[in-house]
Amino acid sequence: MTAETQTIRTELETRRTELLSRQERISKHTRHREEPLPADFAEQAVELENGETLVALDQEIGEELTRIDKALQRLEAGSYFDCESCGEPIGAARLEALADTTQCIDCASAADSG
């Protein structure tokens, strides 16, 4: 494994650890939500809105964790630097900005516009 590959792996694993920690905090808050709602209607509305926000955040974290796991698998397989769509190199700047990307800028742009 090259030094560059090891650096990327470390960055992805660090991000993964951060996300798992956030997910655990969200889980603690949502378990707390199983308690009865406050009697005050305004407080109930805030509690319900907060719960919806936490569910959305948890979903986003789950999606990012999936992308990171896929990036780690691609790194292990030696295909991390190649676009999954066209097979061309993704580009160092793009990978630095979006370490869990699977497409080069051209393919990602085409997918976004199509």
PDB file of N, CA and C in Angstrom:
ATOM      1  N   MET A   1       0.839  -1.174   0.000  1.00  0.00           N
ATOM      2  CA  MET A   1       0.000   0.000   0.000  1.00  0.00           C
ATOM      3  C   MET A   1       0.886   1.240   0.000  1.00  0.00           C
ATOM      4  N   THR A   2       0.596   2.162  -0.889  1.00  0.00           N
ATOM      5  CA  THR A   2       1.401   3.374  -0.989  1.00  0.00           C
ATOM      6  C   THR A   2       1.078   4.322   0.161  1.00  0.00           C
ATOM      7  N   ALA A   3       1.941   5.293   0.354  1.00  0.00           N
ATOM      8  CA  ALA A   3       1.718   6.301   1.394  1.00  0.00           C
ATOM      9  C   ALA A   3       0.439   7.086   1.094  1.00  0.00           C
ATOM     10  N   GLU A   4       0.220   7.392  -0.184  1.00  0.00           N
ATOM     11  CA  GLU A   4      -0.994   8.123  -0.574  1.00  0.00           C
ATOM     12  C   GLU A   4      -2.248   7.320  -0.247  1.00  0.00           C
ATOM     13  N   THR A   5      -2.215   6.037  -0.571  1.00  0.00           N
ATOM     14  CA  THR A   5      -3.354   5.169  -0.299  1.00  0.00           C
ATOM     15  C   THR A   5      -3.601   5.050   1.192  1.00  0.00           C
ATOM     16  N   GLN A   6      -2.530   4.939   1.969  1.00  0.00           N
ATOM     17  CA  GLN A   6      -2.679   4.847   3.424  1.00  0.00           C
ATOM     18  C   GLN A   6      -3.258   6.141   3.994  1.00  0.00           C
ATOM     19  N   THR A   7      -2.837   7.277   3.467  1.00  0.00           N
ATOM     20  CA  THR A   7      -3.382   8.567   3.916  1.00  0.00           C
ATOM     21  C   THR A   7      -4.870   8.644   3.627  1.00  0.00           C
ATOM     22  N   ILE A   8      -5.263   8.232   2.434  1.00  0.00           N
ATOM     23  CA  ILE A   8      -6.684   8.244   2.065  1.00  0.00           C
ATOM     24  C   ILE A   8      -7.468   7.319   2.982  1.00  0.00           C
ATOM     25  N   ARG A   9      -6.948   6.116   3.215  1.00  0.00           N
ATOM     26  CA  ARG A   9      -7.619   5.164   4.098  1.00  0.00           C
ATOM     27  C   ARG A   9      -7.803   5.766   5.491  1.00  0.00           C
ATOM     28  N   THR A  10      -6.760   6.386   6.007  1.00  0.00           N
ATOM     29  CA  THR A  10      -6.835   6.992   7.337  1.00  0.00           C
ATOM     30  C   THR A  10      -7.890   8.085   7.377  1.00  0.00           C
ATOM     31  N   GLU A  11      -7.933   8.934   6.362  1.00  0.00           N
ATOM     32  CA  GLU A  11      -8.930  10.006   6.307  1.00  0.00           C
ATOM     33  C   GLU A  11     -10.346   9.446   6.239  1.00  0.00           C
ATOM     34  N   LEU A  12     -10.552   8.429   5.403  1.00  0.00           N
ATOM     35  CA  LEU A  12     -11.877   7.814   5.294  1.00  0.00           C
ATOM     36  C   LEU A  12     -12.283   7.146   6.605  1.00  0.00           C
ATOM     37  N   GLU A  13     -11.362   6.456   7.235  1.00  0.00           N
ATOM     38  CA  GLU A  13     -11.677   5.787   8.492  1.00  0.00           C
ATOM     39  C   GLU A  13     -11.937   6.786   9.619  1.00  0.00           C
ATOM     40  N   THR A  14     -11.207   7.903   9.612  1.00  0.00           N
ATOM     41  CA  THR A  14     -11.438   8.952  10.605  1.00  0.00           C
ATOM     42  C   THR A  14     -12.836   9.540  10.424  1.00  0.00           C
ATOM     43  N   ARG A  15     -13.200   9.824   9.190  1.00  0.00           N
ATOM     44  CA  ARG A  15     -14.535  10.352   8.906  1.00  0.00           C
ATOM     45  C   ARG A  15     -15.603   9.344   9.312  1.00  0.00           C
ATOM     46  N   ARG A  16     -15.361   8.075   9.039  1.00  0.00           N
ATOM     47  CA  ARG A  16     -16.306   7.015   9.388  1.00  0.00           C
ATOM     48  C   ARG A  16     -16.510   6.970  10.908  1.00  0.00           C
ATOM     49  N   THR A  17     -15.429   7.075  11.653  1.00  0.00           N
ATOM     50  CA  THR A  17     -15.509   7.072  13.113  1.00  0.00           C
ATOM     51  C   THR A  17     -16.308   8.272  13.615  1.00  0.00           C
ATOM     52  N   GLU A  18     -16.067   9.454  13.030  1.00  0.00           N
ATOM     53  CA  GLU A  18     -16.816  10.656  13.412  1.00  0.00           C
ATOM     54  C   GLU A  18     -18.314  10.463  13.166  1.00  0.00           C
ATOM     55  N   LEU A  19     -18.649   9.906  12.001  1.00  0.00           N
ATOM     56  CA  LEU A  19     -20.054   9.700  11.659  1.00  0.00           C
ATOM     57  C   LEU A  19     -20.715   8.684  12.578  1.00  0.00           C
ATOM     58  N   LEU A  20     -20.011   7.620  12.916  1.00  0.00           N
ATOM     59  CA  LEU A  20     -20.568   6.627  13.836  1.00  0.00           C
ATOM     60  C   LEU A  20     -20.824   7.243  15.208  1.00  0.00           C
ATOM     61  N   SER A  21     -19.947   8.135  15.633  1.00  0.00           N
ATOM     62  CA  SER A  21     -20.130   8.823  16.908  1.00  0.00           C
ATOM     63  C   SER A  21     -21.370   9.718  16.852  1.00  0.00           C
ATOM     64  N   ARG A  22     -21.530  10.450  15.763  1.00  0.00           N
ATOM     65  CA  ARG A  22     -22.724  11.293  15.602  1.00  0.00           C
ATOM     66  C   ARG A  22     -23.983  10.442  15.588  1.00  0.00           C
ATOM     67  N   GLN A  23     -23.917   9.323  14.891  1.00  0.00           N
ATOM     68  CA  GLN A  23     -25.073   8.442  14.801  1.00  0.00           C
ATOM     69  C   GLN A  23     -25.450   7.918  16.182  1.00  0.00           C
ATOM     70  N   GLU A  24     -24.469   7.612  17.000  1.00  0.00           N
ATOM     71  CA  GLU A  24     -24.736   7.148  18.353  1.00  0.00           C
ATOM     72  C   GLU A  24     -25.407   8.247  19.186  1.00  0.00           C
ATOM     73  N   ARG A  25     -24.927   9.483  19.062  1.00  0.00           N
ATOM     74  CA  ARG A  25     -25.557  10.600  19.788  1.00  0.00           C
ATOM     75  C   ARG A  25     -27.002  10.797  19.341  1.00  0.00           C
ATOM     76  N   ILE A  26     -27.236  10.689  18.050  1.00  0.00           N
ATOM     77  CA  ILE A  26     -28.601  10.822  17.532  1.00  0.00           C
ATOM     78  C   ILE A  26     -29.468   9.700  18.080  1.00  0.00           C
ATOM     79  N   SER A  27     -28.931   8.503  18.114  1.00  0.00           N
ATOM     80  CA  SER A  27     -29.675   7.351  18.635  1.00  0.00           C
ATOM     81  C   SER A  27     -30.066   7.579  20.095  1.00  0.00           C
ATOM     82  N   LYS A  28     -29.166   8.138  20.884  1.00  0.00           N
ATOM     83  CA  LYS A  28     -29.476   8.429  22.287  1.00  0.00           C
ATOM     84  C   LYS A  28     -30.614   9.433  22.383  1.00  0.00           C
ATOM     85  N   HIS A  29     -30.589  10.452  21.520  1.00  0.00           N
ATOM     86  CA  HIS A  29     -31.655  11.459  21.538  1.00  0.00           C
ATOM     87  C   HIS A  29     -32.979  10.859  21.091  1.00  0.00           C
ATOM     88  N   THR A  30     -32.954   9.998  20.102  1.00  0.00           N
ATOM     89  CA  THR A  30     -34.210   9.415  19.627  1.00  0.00           C
ATOM     90  C   THR A  30     -34.767   8.417  20.641  1.00  0.00           C
ATOM     91  N   ARG A  31     -33.899   7.716  21.371  1.00  0.00           N
ATOM     92  CA  ARG A  31     -34.389   6.840  22.452  1.00  0.00           C
ATOM     93  C   ARG A  31     -35.050   7.674  23.537  1.00  0.00           C
ATOM     94  N   HIS A  32     -34.492   8.854  23.786  1.00  0.00           N
ATOM     95  CA  HIS A  32     -35.072   9.781  24.762  1.00  0.00           C
ATOM     96  C   HIS A  32     -36.468  10.196  24.308  1.00  0.00           C
ATOM     97  N   ARG A  33     -36.685  10.231  23.027  1.00  0.00           N
ATOM     98  CA  ARG A  33     -37.957  10.654  22.457  1.00  0.00           C
ATOM     99  C   ARG A  33     -39.093   9.687  22.788  1.00  0.00           C
ATOM    100  N   GLU A  34     -38.776   8.492  23.245  1.00  0.00           N
ATOM    101  CA  GLU A  34     -39.817   7.540  23.583  1.00  0.00           C
ATOM    102  C   GLU A  34     -40.539   7.921  24.869  1.00  0.00           C
ATOM    103  N   GLU A  35     -40.016   8.904  25.568  1.00  0.00           N
ATOM    104  CA  GLU A  35     -40.678   9.405  26.762  1.00  0.00           C
ATOM    105  C   GLU A  35     -41.907  10.199  26.344  1.00  0.00           C
ATOM    106  N   PRO A  36     -42.880  10.354  27.243  1.00  0.00           N
ATOM    107  CA  PRO A  36     -44.090  11.107  26.894  1.00  0.00           C
ATOM    108  C   PRO A  36     -43.759  12.547  26.477  1.00  0.00           C
ATOM    109  N   LEU A  37     -44.549  13.066  25.557  1.00  0.00           N
ATOM    110  CA  LEU A  37     -44.358  14.452  25.114  1.00  0.00           C
ATOM    111  C   LEU A  37     -44.758  15.409  26.229  1.00  0.00           C
ATOM    112  N   PRO A  38     -44.166  16.599  26.237  1.00  0.00           N
ATOM    113  CA  PRO A  38     -44.559  17.605  27.233  1.00  0.00           C
ATOM    114  C   PRO A  38     -46.041  17.965  27.085  1.00  0.00           C
ATOM    115  N   ALA A  39     -46.645  18.439  28.156  1.00  0.00           N
ATOM    116  CA  ALA A  39     -48.060  18.802  28.129  1.00  0.00           C
ATOM    117  C   ALA A  39     -48.313  20.030  27.276  1.00  0.00           C
ATOM    118  N   ASP A  40     -47.342  20.940  27.226  1.00  0.00           N
ATOM    119  CA  ASP A  40     -47.485  22.182  26.463  1.00  0.00           C
ATOM    120  C   ASP A  40     -47.453  21.893  24.956  1.00  0.00           C
ATOM    121  N   PHE A  41     -48.466  22.401  24.240  1.00  0.00           N
ATOM    122  CA  PHE A  41     -48.576  22.141  22.799  1.00  0.00           C
ATOM    123  C   PHE A  41     -47.367  22.673  22.026  1.00  0.00           C
ATOM    124  N   ALA A  42     -46.900  23.856  22.362  1.00  0.00           N
ATOM    125  CA  ALA A  42     -45.750  24.437  21.659  1.00  0.00           C
ATOM    126  C   ALA A  42     -44.506  23.577  21.867  1.00  0.00           C
ATOM    127  N   GLU A  43     -44.330  23.090  23.081  1.00  0.00           N
ATOM    128  CA  GLU A  43     -43.190  22.226  23.360  1.00  0.00           C
ATOM    129  C   GLU A  43     -43.319  20.898  22.614  1.00  0.00           C
ATOM    130  N   GLN A  44     -44.551  20.394  22.494  1.00  0.00           N
ATOM    131  CA  GLN A  44     -44.777  19.166  21.728  1.00  0.00           C
ATOM    132  C   GLN A  44     -44.375  19.359  20.267  1.00  0.00           C
ATOM    133  N   ALA A  45     -44.757  20.500  19.703  1.00  0.00           N
ATOM    134  CA  ALA A  45     -44.434  20.786  18.304  1.00  0.00           C
ATOM    135  C   ALA A  45     -42.923  20.844  18.094  1.00  0.00           C
ATOM    136  N   VAL A  46     -42.228  21.483  19.018  1.00  0.00           N
ATOM    137  CA  VAL A  46     -40.769  21.577  18.920  1.00  0.00           C
ATOM    138  C   VAL A  46     -40.149  20.186  19.047  1.00  0.00           C
ATOM    139  N   GLU A  47     -40.633  19.395  19.991  1.00  0.00           N
ATOM    140  CA  GLU A  47     -40.109  18.037  20.179  1.00  0.00           C
ATOM    141  C   GLU A  47     -40.304  17.193  18.917  1.00  0.00           C
ATOM    142  N   LEU A  48     -41.480  17.280  18.309  1.00  0.00           N
ATOM    143  CA  LEU A  48     -41.766  16.503  17.102  1.00  0.00           C
ATOM    144  C   LEU A  48     -40.902  16.972  15.929  1.00  0.00           C
ATOM    145  N   GLU A  49     -40.718  18.264  15.816  1.00  0.00           N
ATOM    146  CA  GLU A  49     -39.874  18.803  14.740  1.00  0.00           C
ATOM    147  C   GLU A  49     -38.421  18.378  14.943  1.00  0.00           C
ATOM    148  N   ASN A  50     -37.962  18.441  16.173  1.00  0.00           N
ATOM    149  CA  ASN A  50     -36.599  17.994  16.469  1.00  0.00           C
ATOM    150  C   ASN A  50     -36.427  16.515  16.128  1.00  0.00           C
ATOM    151  N   GLY A  51     -37.436  15.722  16.431  1.00  0.00           N
ATOM    152  CA  GLY A  51     -37.386  14.301  16.121  1.00  0.00           C
ATOM    153  C   GLY A  51     -37.278  14.060  14.622  1.00  0.00           C
ATOM    154  N   GLU A  52     -38.029  14.816  13.834  1.00  0.00           N
ATOM    155  CA  GLU A  52     -37.967  14.687  12.376  1.00  0.00           C
ATOM    156  C   GLU A  52     -36.587  15.074  11.860  1.00  0.00           C
ATOM    157  N   THR A  53     -36.014  16.105  12.435  1.00  0.00           N
ATOM    158  CA  THR A  53     -34.670  16.538  12.041  1.00  0.00           C
ATOM    159  C   THR A  53     -33.643  15.461  12.358  1.00  0.00           C
ATOM    160  N   LEU A  54     -33.763  14.861  13.527  1.00  0.00           N
ATOM    161  CA  LEU A  54     -32.824  13.808  13.912  1.00  0.00           C
ATOM    162  C   LEU A  54     -32.939  12.598  12.987  1.00  0.00           C
ATOM    163  N   VAL A  55     -34.151  12.248  12.603  1.00  0.00           N
ATOM    164  CA  VAL A  55     -34.347  11.121  11.680  1.00  0.00           C
ATOM    165  C   VAL A  55     -33.696  11.432  10.332  1.00  0.00           C
ATOM    166  N   ALA A  56     -33.875  12.657   9.848  1.00  0.00           N
ATOM    167  CA  ALA A  56     -33.270  13.054   8.571  1.00  0.00           C
ATOM    168  C   ALA A  56     -31.743  13.040   8.661  1.00  0.00           C
ATOM    169  N   LEU A  57     -31.197  13.548   9.754  1.00  0.00           N
ATOM    170  CA  LEU A  57     -29.741  13.534   9.952  1.00  0.00           C
ATOM    171  C   LEU A  57     -29.213  12.106  10.016  1.00  0.00           C
ATOM    172  N   ASP A  58     -29.930  11.244  10.709  1.00  0.00           N
ATOM    173  CA  ASP A  58     -29.514   9.853  10.812  1.00  0.00           C
ATOM    174  C   ASP A  58     -29.493   9.189   9.437  1.00  0.00           C
ATOM    175  N   GLN A  59     -30.468   9.511   8.622  1.00  0.00           N
ATOM    176  CA  GLN A  59     -30.521   8.951   7.273  1.00  0.00           C
ATOM    177  C   GLN A  59     -29.346   9.448   6.431  1.00  0.00           C
ATOM    178  N   GLU A  60     -29.050  10.742   6.501  1.00  0.00           N
ATOM    179  CA  GLU A  60     -27.915  11.305   5.763  1.00  0.00           C
ATOM    180  C   GLU A  60     -26.598  10.666   6.210  1.00  0.00           C
ATOM    181  N   ILE A  61     -26.445  10.480   7.510  1.00  0.00           N
ATOM    182  CA  ILE A  61     -25.233   9.853   8.033  1.00  0.00           C
ATOM    183  C   ILE A  61     -25.121   8.421   7.519  1.00  0.00           C
ATOM    184  N   GLY A  62     -26.227   7.705   7.519  1.00  0.00           N
ATOM    185  CA  GLY A  62     -26.222   6.341   7.013  1.00  0.00           C
ATOM    186  C   GLY A  62     -25.806   6.272   5.552  1.00  0.00           C
ATOM    187  N   GLU A  63     -26.294   7.211   4.761  1.00  0.00           N
ATOM    188  CA  GLU A  63     -25.932   7.244   3.346  1.00  0.00           C
ATOM    189  C   GLU A  63     -24.446   7.550   3.162  1.00  0.00           C
ATOM    190  N   GLU A  64     -23.929   8.493   3.956  1.00  0.00           N
ATOM    191  CA  GLU A  64     -22.506   8.812   3.854  1.00  0.00           C
ATOM    192  C   GLU A  64     -21.643   7.641   4.325  1.00  0.00           C
ATOM    193  N   LEU A  65     -22.074   6.960   5.370  1.00  0.00           N
ATOM    194  CA  LEU A  65     -21.336   5.783   5.829  1.00  0.00           C
ATOM    195  C   LEU A  65     -21.281   4.711   4.741  1.00  0.00           C
ATOM    196  N   THR A  66     -22.370   4.535   4.030  1.00  0.00           N
ATOM    197  CA  THR A  66     -22.402   3.567   2.930  1.00  0.00           C
ATOM    198  C   THR A  66     -21.400   3.959   1.851  1.00  0.00           C
ATOM    199  N   ARG A  67     -21.356   5.256   1.514  1.00  0.00           N
ATOM    200  CA  ARG A  67     -20.406   5.725   0.498  1.00  0.00           C
ATOM    201  C   ARG A  67     -18.959   5.546   0.967  1.00  0.00           C
ATOM    202  N   ILE A  68     -18.707   5.814   2.230  1.00  0.00           N
ATOM    203  CA  ILE A  68     -17.350   5.655   2.771  1.00  0.00           C
ATOM    204  C   ILE A  68     -16.949   4.183   2.762  1.00  0.00           C
ATOM    205  N   ASP A  69     -17.851   3.309   3.171  1.00  0.00           N
ATOM    206  CA  ASP A  69     -17.543   1.875   3.146  1.00  0.00           C
ATOM    207  C   ASP A  69     -17.243   1.416   1.727  1.00  0.00           C
ATOM    208  N   LYS A  70     -18.003   1.919   0.781  1.00  0.00           N
ATOM    209  CA  LYS A  70     -17.769   1.568  -0.624  1.00  0.00           C
ATOM    210  C   LYS A  70     -16.405   2.105  -1.082  1.00  0.00           C
ATOM    211  N   ALA A  71     -16.071   3.325  -0.669  1.00  0.00           N
ATOM    212  CA  ALA A  71     -14.772   3.893  -1.034  1.00  0.00           C
ATOM    213  C   ALA A  71     -13.634   3.065  -0.439  1.00  0.00           C
ATOM    214  N   LEU A  72     -13.791   2.626   0.794  1.00  0.00           N
ATOM    215  CA  LEU A  72     -12.762   1.780   1.421  1.00  0.00           C
ATOM    216  C   LEU A  72     -12.622   0.448   0.678  1.00  0.00           C
ATOM    217  N   GLN A  73     -13.725  -0.114   0.241  1.00  0.00           N
ATOM    218  CA  GLN A  73     -13.679  -1.360  -0.545  1.00  0.00           C
ATOM    219  C   GLN A  73     -12.980  -1.128  -1.885  1.00  0.00           C
ATOM    220  N   ARG A  74     -13.286  -0.002  -2.519  1.00  0.00           N
ATOM    221  CA  ARG A  74     -12.660   0.321  -3.795  1.00  0.00           C
ATOM    222  C   ARG A  74     -11.166   0.553  -3.606  1.00  0.00           C
ATOM    223  N   LEU A  75     -10.791   1.178  -2.504  1.00  0.00           N
ATOM    224  CA  LEU A  75      -9.386   1.404  -2.194  1.00  0.00           C
ATOM    225  C   LEU A  75      -8.664   0.069  -2.047  1.00  0.00           C
ATOM    226  N   GLU A  76      -9.280  -0.842  -1.315  1.00  0.00           N
ATOM    227  CA  GLU A  76      -8.708  -2.172  -1.099  1.00  0.00           C
ATOM    228  C   GLU A  76      -8.587  -2.941  -2.422  1.00  0.00           C
ATOM    229  N   ALA A  77      -9.571  -2.776  -3.300  1.00  0.00           N
ATOM    230  CA  ALA A  77      -9.582  -3.499  -4.573  1.00  0.00           C
ATOM    231  C   ALA A  77      -8.675  -2.858  -5.624  1.00  0.00           C
ATOM    232  N   GLY A  78      -8.192  -1.644  -5.337  1.00  0.00           N
ATOM    233  CA  GLY A  78      -7.323  -0.960  -6.291  1.00  0.00           C
ATOM    234  C   GLY A  78      -8.054  -0.180  -7.357  1.00  0.00           C
ATOM    235  N   SER A  79      -9.355   0.020  -7.175  1.00  0.00           N
ATOM    236  CA  SER A  79     -10.140   0.745  -8.181  1.00  0.00           C
ATOM    237  C   SER A  79     -10.587   2.126  -7.697  1.00  0.00           C
ATOM    238  N   TYR A  80     -10.077   2.557  -6.571  1.00  0.00           N
ATOM    239  CA  TYR A  80     -10.495   3.819  -5.949  1.00  0.00           C
ATOM    240  C   TYR A  80     -10.295   5.032  -6.858  1.00  0.00           C
ATOM    241  N   PHE A  81      -9.213   5.058  -7.597  1.00  0.00           N
ATOM    242  CA  PHE A  81      -8.860   6.233  -8.393  1.00  0.00           C
ATOM    243  C   PHE A  81      -9.542   6.252  -9.765  1.00  0.00           C
ATOM    244  N   ASP A  82     -10.288   5.211 -10.094  1.00  0.00           N
ATOM    245  CA  ASP A  82     -10.920   5.098 -11.411  1.00  0.00           C
ATOM    246  C   ASP A  82     -12.420   5.339 -11.327  1.00  0.00           C
ATOM    247  N   CYS A  83     -12.946   6.041 -12.316  1.00  0.00           N
ATOM    248  CA  CYS A  83     -14.373   6.324 -12.413  1.00  0.00           C
ATOM    249  C   CYS A  83     -15.133   5.021 -12.642  1.00  0.00           C
ATOM    250  N   GLU A  84     -16.170   4.799 -11.874  1.00  0.00           N
ATOM    251  CA  GLU A  84     -16.980   3.598 -12.045  1.00  0.00           C
ATOM    252  C   GLU A  84     -17.768   3.611 -13.354  1.00  0.00           C
ATOM    253  N   SER A  85     -18.022   4.787 -13.888  1.00  0.00           N
ATOM    254  CA  SER A  85     -18.824   4.884 -15.108  1.00  0.00           C
ATOM    255  C   SER A  85     -17.996   4.696 -16.374  1.00  0.00           C
ATOM    256  N   CYS A  86     -16.878   5.426 -16.476  1.00  0.00           N
ATOM    257  CA  CYS A  86     -16.116   5.401 -17.727  1.00  0.00           C
ATOM    258  C   CYS A  86     -14.745   4.726 -17.598  1.00  0.00           C
ATOM    259  N   GLY A  87     -14.292   4.504 -16.369  1.00  0.00           N
ATOM    260  CA  GLY A  87     -13.009   3.852 -16.157  1.00  0.00           C
ATOM    261  C   GLY A  87     -11.812   4.785 -16.186  1.00  0.00           C
ATOM    262  N   GLU A  88     -12.021   6.033 -16.535  1.00  0.00           N
ATOM    263  CA  GLU A  88     -10.933   7.016 -16.561  1.00  0.00           C
ATOM    264  C   GLU A  88     -10.575   7.440 -15.132  1.00  0.00           C
ATOM    265  N   PRO A  89      -9.384   8.009 -14.941  1.00  0.00           N
ATOM    266  CA  PRO A  89      -9.022   8.500 -13.599  1.00  0.00           C
ATOM    267  C   PRO A  89      -9.990   9.583 -13.115  1.00  0.00           C
ATOM    268  N   ILE A  90     -10.322   9.534 -11.848  1.00  0.00           N
ATOM    269  CA  ILE A  90     -11.251  10.517 -11.275  1.00  0.00           C
ATOM    270  C   ILE A  90     -10.585  11.874 -11.155  1.00  0.00           C
ATOM    271  N   GLY A  91      -9.355  11.928 -10.778  1.00  0.00           N
ATOM    272  CA  GLY A  91      -8.661  13.206 -10.618  1.00  0.00           C
ATOM    273  C   GLY A  91      -8.407  13.483  -9.153  1.00  0.00           C
ATOM    274  N   ALA A  92      -7.180  13.831  -8.856  1.00  0.00           N
ATOM    275  CA  ALA A  92      -6.759  14.027  -7.471  1.00  0.00           C
ATOM    276  C   ALA A  92      -7.542  15.133  -6.768  1.00  0.00           C
ATOM    277  N   ALA A  93      -7.780  16.244  -7.462  1.00  0.00           N
ATOM    278  CA  ALA A  93      -8.486  17.367  -6.831  1.00  0.00           C
ATOM    279  C   ALA A  93      -9.912  16.972  -6.460  1.00  0.00           C
ATOM    280  N   ARG A  94     -10.581  16.237  -7.343  1.00  0.00           N
ATOM    281  CA  ARG A  94     -11.953  15.798  -7.060  1.00  0.00           C
ATOM    282  C   ARG A  94     -11.970  14.815  -5.886  1.00  0.00           C
ATOM    283  N   LEU A  95     -11.048  13.877  -5.873  1.00  0.00           N
ATOM    284  CA  LEU A  95     -10.987  12.916  -4.770  1.00  0.00           C
ATOM    285  C   LEU A  95     -10.631  13.599  -3.455  1.00  0.00           C
ATOM    286  N   GLU A  96      -9.814  14.629  -3.532  1.00  0.00           N
ATOM    287  CA  GLU A  96      -9.472  15.367  -2.310  1.00  0.00           C
ATOM    288  C   GLU A  96     -10.698  16.087  -1.763  1.00  0.00           C
ATOM    289  N   ALA A  97     -11.525  16.623  -2.665  1.00  0.00           N
ATOM    290  CA  ALA A  97     -12.732  17.342  -2.253  1.00  0.00           C
ATOM    291  C   ALA A  97     -13.848  16.383  -1.834  1.00  0.00           C
ATOM    292  N   LEU A  98     -13.966  15.273  -2.549  1.00  0.00           N
ATOM    293  CA  LEU A  98     -15.032  14.297  -2.312  1.00  0.00           C
ATOM    294  C   LEU A  98     -14.416  12.903  -2.237  1.00  0.00           C
ATOM    295  N   ALA A  99     -13.868  12.575  -1.102  1.00  0.00           N
ATOM    296  CA  ALA A  99     -13.122  11.329  -0.960  1.00  0.00           C
ATOM    297  C   ALA A  99     -13.960  10.089  -1.221  1.00  0.00           C
ATOM    298  N   ASP A 100     -15.293  10.198  -1.111  1.00  0.00           N
ATOM    299  CA  ASP A 100     -16.139   9.026  -1.322  1.00  0.00           C
ATOM    300  C   ASP A 100     -16.811   9.007  -2.697  1.00  0.00           C
ATOM    301  N   THR A 101     -16.342   9.865  -3.612  1.00  0.00           N
ATOM    302  CA  THR A 101     -16.929   9.886  -4.947  1.00  0.00           C
ATOM    303  C   THR A 101     -16.541   8.637  -5.732  1.00  0.00           C
ATOM    304  N   THR A 102     -17.403   8.260  -6.676  1.00  0.00           N
ATOM    305  CA  THR A 102     -17.129   7.099  -7.515  1.00  0.00           C
ATOM    306  C   THR A 102     -17.026   7.479  -8.982  1.00  0.00           C
ATOM    307  N   GLN A 103     -17.236   8.764  -9.291  1.00  0.00           N
ATOM    308  CA  GLN A 103     -17.247   9.199 -10.681  1.00  0.00           C
ATOM    309  C   GLN A 103     -16.324  10.388 -10.917  1.00  0.00           C
ATOM    310  N   CYS A 104     -15.794  10.443 -12.141  1.00  0.00           N
ATOM    311  CA  CYS A 104     -15.032  11.614 -12.552  1.00  0.00           C
ATOM    312  C   CYS A 104     -16.010  12.782 -12.723  1.00  0.00           C
ATOM    313  N   ILE A 105     -15.495  13.965 -12.872  1.00  0.00           N
ATOM    314  CA  ILE A 105     -16.340  15.154 -12.967  1.00  0.00           C
ATOM    315  C   ILE A 105     -17.245  15.108 -14.190  1.00  0.00           C
ATOM    316  N   ASP A 106     -16.751  14.595 -15.305  1.00  0.00           N
ATOM    317  CA  ASP A 106     -17.563  14.530 -16.516  1.00  0.00           C
ATOM    318  C   ASP A 106     -18.759  13.603 -16.339  1.00  0.00           C
ATOM    319  N   CYS A 107     -18.534  12.423 -15.795  1.00  0.00           N
ATOM    320  CA  CYS A 107     -19.632  11.468 -15.588  1.00  0.00           C
ATOM    321  C   CYS A 107     -20.613  11.953 -14.526  1.00  0.00           C
ATOM    322  N   ALA A 108     -20.085  12.573 -13.479  1.00  0.00           N
ATOM    323  CA  ALA A 108     -20.969  13.105 -12.428  1.00  0.00           C
ATOM    324  C   ALA A 108     -21.822  14.235 -12.985  1.00  0.00           C
ATOM    325  N   SER A 109     -21.238  15.095 -13.802  1.00  0.00           N
ATOM    326  CA  SER A 109     -22.003  16.186 -14.406  1.00  0.00           C
ATOM    327  C   SER A 109     -23.067  15.646 -15.336  1.00  0.00           C
ATOM    328  N   ALA A 110     -22.718  14.637 -16.127  1.00  0.00           N
ATOM    329  CA  ALA A 110     -23.690  14.028 -17.035  1.00  0.00           C
ATOM    330  C   ALA A 110     -24.833  13.388 -16.256  1.00  0.00           C
ATOM    331  N   ALA A 111     -24.521  12.739 -15.139  1.00  0.00           N
ATOM    332  CA  ALA A 111     -25.544  12.097 -14.330  1.00  0.00           C
ATOM    333  C   ALA A 111     -26.462  13.134 -13.681  1.00  0.00           C
ATOM    334  N   ASP A 112     -25.910  14.279 -13.264  1.00  0.00           N
ATOM    335  CA  ASP A 112     -26.695  15.326 -12.651  1.00  0.00           C
ATOM    336  C   ASP A 112     -27.629  16.007 -13.652  1.00  0.00           C
ATOM    337  N   SER A 113     -27.183  16.115 -14.889  1.00  0.00           N
ATOM    338  CA  SER A 113     -27.997  16.820 -15.888  1.00  0.00           C
ATOM    339  C   SER A 113     -28.965  15.880 -16.589  1.00  0.00           C
ATOM    340  N   GLY A 114     -28.786  14.578 -16.432  1.00  0.00           N
ATOM    341  CA  GLY A 114     -29.619  13.622 -17.147  1.00  0.00           C
ATOM    342  C   GLY A 114     -30.710  13.064 -16.377  1.00  0.00           C
TER     343      GLY A 114
END
